[in-house]
Amino acid sequence: MSDPFQTRLDRAKFRAWHRGTREADYMFGGFYDTFHAQWDEAQLAWFEALLEEDDVDVMAWALGTQECPESFKGAQMDALRKLDYVSI
């Protein structure tokens, strides 16, 4: 029997690394790789919701060129904005 939380993590990893552009893959995938091991239910749910958003919007929020919605504000968005998890 599989662990539902691990299944969700696995799905999120795939979706994070298969966005359609290299830039988005690095942003979402790098963020996932750096932080997923410490996520709880709420943090994974936040990331899953982020994966539903348009890449262009998320990248604008991370770069600070567009205000992000209240629902995404907080510690995880702050970490996403640092971009220090992107290894090129």
N, C-alpha and C. Protein backbone atom coordinates (compact mmCIF):
# COMPACT_ATOMS: atom_id res chain seq x y z
N MET A 1 0.85 -1.18 0.00
CA MET A 1 0.00 0.00 0.00
C MET A 1 0.89 1.24 0.00
N SER A 2 0.60 2.16 -0.86
CA SER A 2 1.44 3.35 -0.98
C SER A 2 0.99 4.45 -0.03
N ASP A 3 1.93 5.30 0.30
CA ASP A 3 1.68 6.45 1.17
C ASP A 3 1.09 7.58 0.33
N PRO A 4 -0.13 8.04 0.63
CA PRO A 4 -0.77 9.10 -0.18
C PRO A 4 0.05 10.40 -0.21
N PHE A 5 0.69 10.74 0.90
CA PHE A 5 1.51 11.96 0.93
C PHE A 5 2.69 11.82 -0.02
N GLN A 6 3.34 10.66 -0.01
CA GLN A 6 4.48 10.44 -0.90
C GLN A 6 4.04 10.43 -2.35
N THR A 7 2.88 9.89 -2.62
CA THR A 7 2.35 9.90 -3.98
C THR A 7 2.13 11.34 -4.46
N ARG A 8 1.61 12.17 -3.60
CA ARG A 8 1.42 13.59 -3.94
C ARG A 8 2.76 14.27 -4.16
N LEU A 9 3.76 13.97 -3.33
CA LEU A 9 5.09 14.54 -3.52
C LEU A 9 5.67 14.12 -4.88
N ASP A 10 5.53 12.85 -5.19
CA ASP A 10 6.04 12.34 -6.47
C ASP A 10 5.37 13.04 -7.65
N ARG A 11 4.07 13.22 -7.55
CA ARG A 11 3.32 13.90 -8.62
C ARG A 11 3.78 15.36 -8.73
N ALA A 12 3.95 16.01 -7.57
CA ALA A 12 4.39 17.41 -7.57
C ALA A 12 5.79 17.53 -8.18
N LYS A 13 6.65 16.59 -7.89
CA LYS A 13 8.01 16.63 -8.46
C LYS A 13 7.95 16.54 -9.98
N PHE A 14 7.16 15.61 -10.48
CA PHE A 14 7.05 15.47 -11.93
C PHE A 14 6.52 16.76 -12.55
N ARG A 15 5.46 17.29 -11.98
CA ARG A 15 4.86 18.51 -12.52
C ARG A 15 5.81 19.70 -12.41
N ALA A 16 6.62 19.74 -11.36
CA ALA A 16 7.56 20.84 -11.16
C ALA A 16 8.67 20.82 -12.23
N TRP A 17 9.10 19.64 -12.60
CA TRP A 17 10.21 19.52 -13.55
C TRP A 17 9.76 19.39 -15.00
N HIS A 18 8.46 19.42 -15.26
CA HIS A 18 7.95 19.29 -16.62
C HIS A 18 6.95 20.41 -16.92
N ARG A 19 7.42 21.64 -16.82
CA ARG A 19 6.56 22.81 -17.01
C ARG A 19 6.42 23.20 -18.47
N GLY A 20 7.43 22.94 -19.26
CA GLY A 20 7.36 23.30 -20.67
C GLY A 20 8.44 24.26 -21.12
N THR A 21 9.05 24.96 -20.18
CA THR A 21 10.19 25.81 -20.51
C THR A 21 11.31 25.53 -19.51
N ARG A 22 12.52 25.69 -19.96
CA ARG A 22 13.66 25.42 -19.09
C ARG A 22 13.66 26.34 -17.87
N GLU A 23 13.31 27.61 -18.08
CA GLU A 23 13.29 28.58 -16.98
C GLU A 23 12.31 28.17 -15.89
N ALA A 24 11.11 27.79 -16.32
CA ALA A 24 10.10 27.37 -15.34
C ALA A 24 10.49 26.06 -14.67
N ASP A 25 11.08 25.14 -15.44
CA ASP A 25 11.54 23.88 -14.85
C ASP A 25 12.55 24.13 -13.74
N TYR A 26 13.50 25.02 -14.00
CA TYR A 26 14.50 25.33 -12.97
C TYR A 26 13.87 25.99 -11.75
N MET A 27 12.93 26.89 -11.98
CA MET A 27 12.33 27.58 -10.85
C MET A 27 11.48 26.62 -10.01
N PHE A 28 10.53 25.95 -10.64
CA PHE A 28 9.65 25.05 -9.90
C PHE A 28 10.40 23.81 -9.42
N GLY A 29 11.16 23.20 -10.32
CA GLY A 29 11.88 21.98 -9.98
C GLY A 29 12.95 22.20 -8.93
N GLY A 30 13.71 23.28 -9.10
CA GLY A 30 14.74 23.59 -8.10
C GLY A 30 14.15 23.88 -6.74
N PHE A 31 13.02 24.58 -6.73
CA PHE A 31 12.34 24.87 -5.47
C PHE A 31 11.89 23.57 -4.82
N TYR A 32 11.28 22.70 -5.62
CA TYR A 32 10.83 21.40 -5.10
C TYR A 32 12.02 20.62 -4.52
N ASP A 33 13.07 20.47 -5.30
CA ASP A 33 14.22 19.67 -4.86
C ASP A 33 14.83 20.20 -3.57
N THR A 34 14.86 21.50 -3.42
CA THR A 34 15.47 22.11 -2.23
C THR A 34 14.61 21.98 -0.98
N PHE A 35 13.30 22.09 -1.12
CA PHE A 35 12.45 22.24 0.06
C PHE A 35 11.47 21.10 0.34
N HIS A 36 11.21 20.19 -0.58
CA HIS A 36 10.14 19.23 -0.39
C HIS A 36 10.31 18.33 0.83
N ALA A 37 11.53 18.02 1.20
CA ALA A 37 11.76 17.08 2.31
C ALA A 37 11.24 17.61 3.65
N GLN A 38 11.09 18.91 3.76
CA GLN A 38 10.63 19.49 5.03
C GLN A 38 9.15 19.88 5.01
N TRP A 39 8.45 19.63 3.91
CA TRP A 39 7.06 20.06 3.80
C TRP A 39 6.11 19.21 4.63
N ASP A 40 5.13 19.90 5.18
CA ASP A 40 4.01 19.22 5.82
C ASP A 40 2.83 19.30 4.86
N GLU A 41 1.68 18.87 5.31
CA GLU A 41 0.48 18.86 4.47
C GLU A 41 0.16 20.25 3.89
N ALA A 42 0.19 21.27 4.73
CA ALA A 42 -0.16 22.62 4.28
C ALA A 42 0.84 23.15 3.26
N GLN A 43 2.11 22.88 3.47
CA GLN A 43 3.13 23.37 2.55
C GLN A 43 3.05 22.65 1.19
N LEU A 44 2.77 21.36 1.23
CA LEU A 44 2.58 20.64 -0.03
C LEU A 44 1.34 21.15 -0.75
N ALA A 45 0.27 21.38 -0.02
CA ALA A 45 -0.95 21.91 -0.63
C ALA A 45 -0.69 23.27 -1.28
N TRP A 46 0.11 24.11 -0.62
CA TRP A 46 0.50 25.41 -1.19
C TRP A 46 1.21 25.22 -2.52
N PHE A 47 2.18 24.30 -2.54
CA PHE A 47 2.94 24.06 -3.76
C PHE A 47 2.06 23.47 -4.85
N GLU A 48 1.19 22.56 -4.50
CA GLU A 48 0.26 22.00 -5.48
C GLU A 48 -0.62 23.09 -6.10
N ALA A 49 -1.07 24.02 -5.27
CA ALA A 49 -1.87 25.14 -5.79
C ALA A 49 -1.02 26.02 -6.70
N LEU A 50 0.24 26.23 -6.33
CA LEU A 50 1.14 27.02 -7.16
C LEU A 50 1.33 26.38 -8.53
N LEU A 51 1.41 25.06 -8.56
CA LEU A 51 1.57 24.34 -9.82
C LEU A 51 0.38 24.53 -10.75
N GLU A 52 -0.75 24.90 -10.21
CA GLU A 52 -1.95 25.13 -11.02
C GLU A 52 -1.94 26.52 -11.69
N GLU A 53 -1.09 27.39 -11.21
CA GLU A 53 -1.03 28.76 -11.75
C GLU A 53 -0.20 28.80 -13.03
N ASP A 54 -0.40 29.84 -13.82
CA ASP A 54 0.39 30.02 -15.04
C ASP A 54 1.83 30.32 -14.68
N ASP A 55 2.74 29.70 -15.40
CA ASP A 55 4.18 29.88 -15.14
C ASP A 55 4.58 31.35 -15.20
N VAL A 56 4.06 32.06 -16.18
CA VAL A 56 4.42 33.47 -16.34
C VAL A 56 4.04 34.27 -15.10
N ASP A 57 2.89 33.99 -14.53
CA ASP A 57 2.46 34.69 -13.32
C ASP A 57 3.36 34.35 -12.13
N VAL A 58 3.63 33.07 -11.94
CA VAL A 58 4.47 32.65 -10.81
C VAL A 58 5.87 33.25 -10.94
N MET A 59 6.41 33.25 -12.14
CA MET A 59 7.74 33.82 -12.33
C MET A 59 7.72 35.32 -12.05
N ALA A 60 6.66 36.00 -12.43
CA ALA A 60 6.54 37.44 -12.13
C ALA A 60 6.44 37.67 -10.63
N TRP A 61 5.73 36.82 -9.93
CA TRP A 61 5.64 36.95 -8.46
C TRP A 61 7.01 36.73 -7.84
N ALA A 62 7.72 35.71 -8.31
CA ALA A 62 9.03 35.39 -7.75
C ALA A 62 10.04 36.49 -8.03
N LEU A 63 9.96 37.11 -9.20
CA LEU A 63 10.89 38.17 -9.56
C LEU A 63 10.47 39.53 -9.03
N GLY A 64 9.26 39.62 -8.49
CA GLY A 64 8.79 40.86 -7.91
C GLY A 64 8.28 41.87 -8.92
N THR A 65 8.00 41.43 -10.14
CA THR A 65 7.48 42.34 -11.15
C THR A 65 5.96 42.40 -11.15
N GLN A 66 5.35 41.53 -10.38
CA GLN A 66 3.89 41.50 -10.24
C GLN A 66 3.57 41.10 -8.80
N GLU A 67 2.57 41.71 -8.24
CA GLU A 67 2.15 41.38 -6.87
C GLU A 67 1.49 40.01 -6.86
N CYS A 68 1.89 39.16 -5.92
CA CYS A 68 1.28 37.84 -5.85
C CYS A 68 -0.01 37.90 -5.02
N PRO A 69 -0.93 37.00 -5.30
CA PRO A 69 -2.18 36.95 -4.54
C PRO A 69 -1.93 36.66 -3.06
N GLU A 70 -2.82 37.12 -2.23
CA GLU A 70 -2.71 36.90 -0.78
C GLU A 70 -2.56 35.42 -0.43
N SER A 71 -3.25 34.58 -1.18
CA SER A 71 -3.23 33.14 -0.87
C SER A 71 -1.85 32.52 -1.01
N PHE A 72 -0.94 33.17 -1.73
CA PHE A 72 0.40 32.64 -1.90
C PHE A 72 1.46 33.36 -1.07
N LYS A 73 1.08 34.43 -0.42
CA LYS A 73 2.05 35.18 0.38
C LYS A 73 2.44 34.39 1.63
N GLY A 74 3.67 34.59 2.08
CA GLY A 74 4.15 33.92 3.29
C GLY A 74 5.57 33.41 3.12
N ALA A 75 5.96 32.54 4.02
CA ALA A 75 7.34 32.05 4.07
C ALA A 75 7.74 31.30 2.81
N GLN A 76 6.83 30.51 2.25
CA GLN A 76 7.19 29.76 1.05
C GLN A 76 7.40 30.70 -0.15
N MET A 77 6.56 31.70 -0.29
CA MET A 77 6.76 32.66 -1.38
C MET A 77 8.06 33.44 -1.16
N ASP A 78 8.36 33.77 0.09
CA ASP A 78 9.62 34.44 0.38
C ASP A 78 10.80 33.59 -0.06
N ALA A 79 10.73 32.28 0.20
CA ALA A 79 11.79 31.36 -0.21
C ALA A 79 11.86 31.25 -1.72
N LEU A 80 10.70 31.22 -2.37
CA LEU A 80 10.66 31.16 -3.84
C LEU A 80 11.32 32.39 -4.45
N ARG A 81 11.10 33.53 -3.84
CA ARG A 81 11.65 34.80 -4.36
C ARG A 81 13.17 34.90 -4.24
N LYS A 82 13.77 34.16 -3.35
CA LYS A 82 15.23 34.24 -3.19
C LYS A 82 15.97 33.70 -4.39
N LEU A 83 15.38 32.73 -5.06
CA LEU A 83 15.96 32.12 -6.25
C LEU A 83 17.35 31.51 -6.01
N ASP A 84 17.75 31.36 -4.78
CA ASP A 84 19.07 30.79 -4.50
C ASP A 84 19.08 29.27 -4.61
N TYR A 85 17.93 28.69 -4.87
CA TYR A 85 17.80 27.24 -5.03
C TYR A 85 18.00 26.82 -6.48
N VAL A 86 18.09 27.79 -7.40
CA VAL A 86 18.25 27.49 -8.83
C VAL A 86 19.72 27.25 -9.11
N SER A 87 20.03 26.04 -9.52
CA SER A 87 21.42 25.67 -9.84
C SER A 87 21.55 25.55 -11.35
N ILE A 88 22.32 26.45 -11.91
CA ILE A 88 22.49 26.45 -13.37
C ILE A 88 23.93 26.10 -13.72
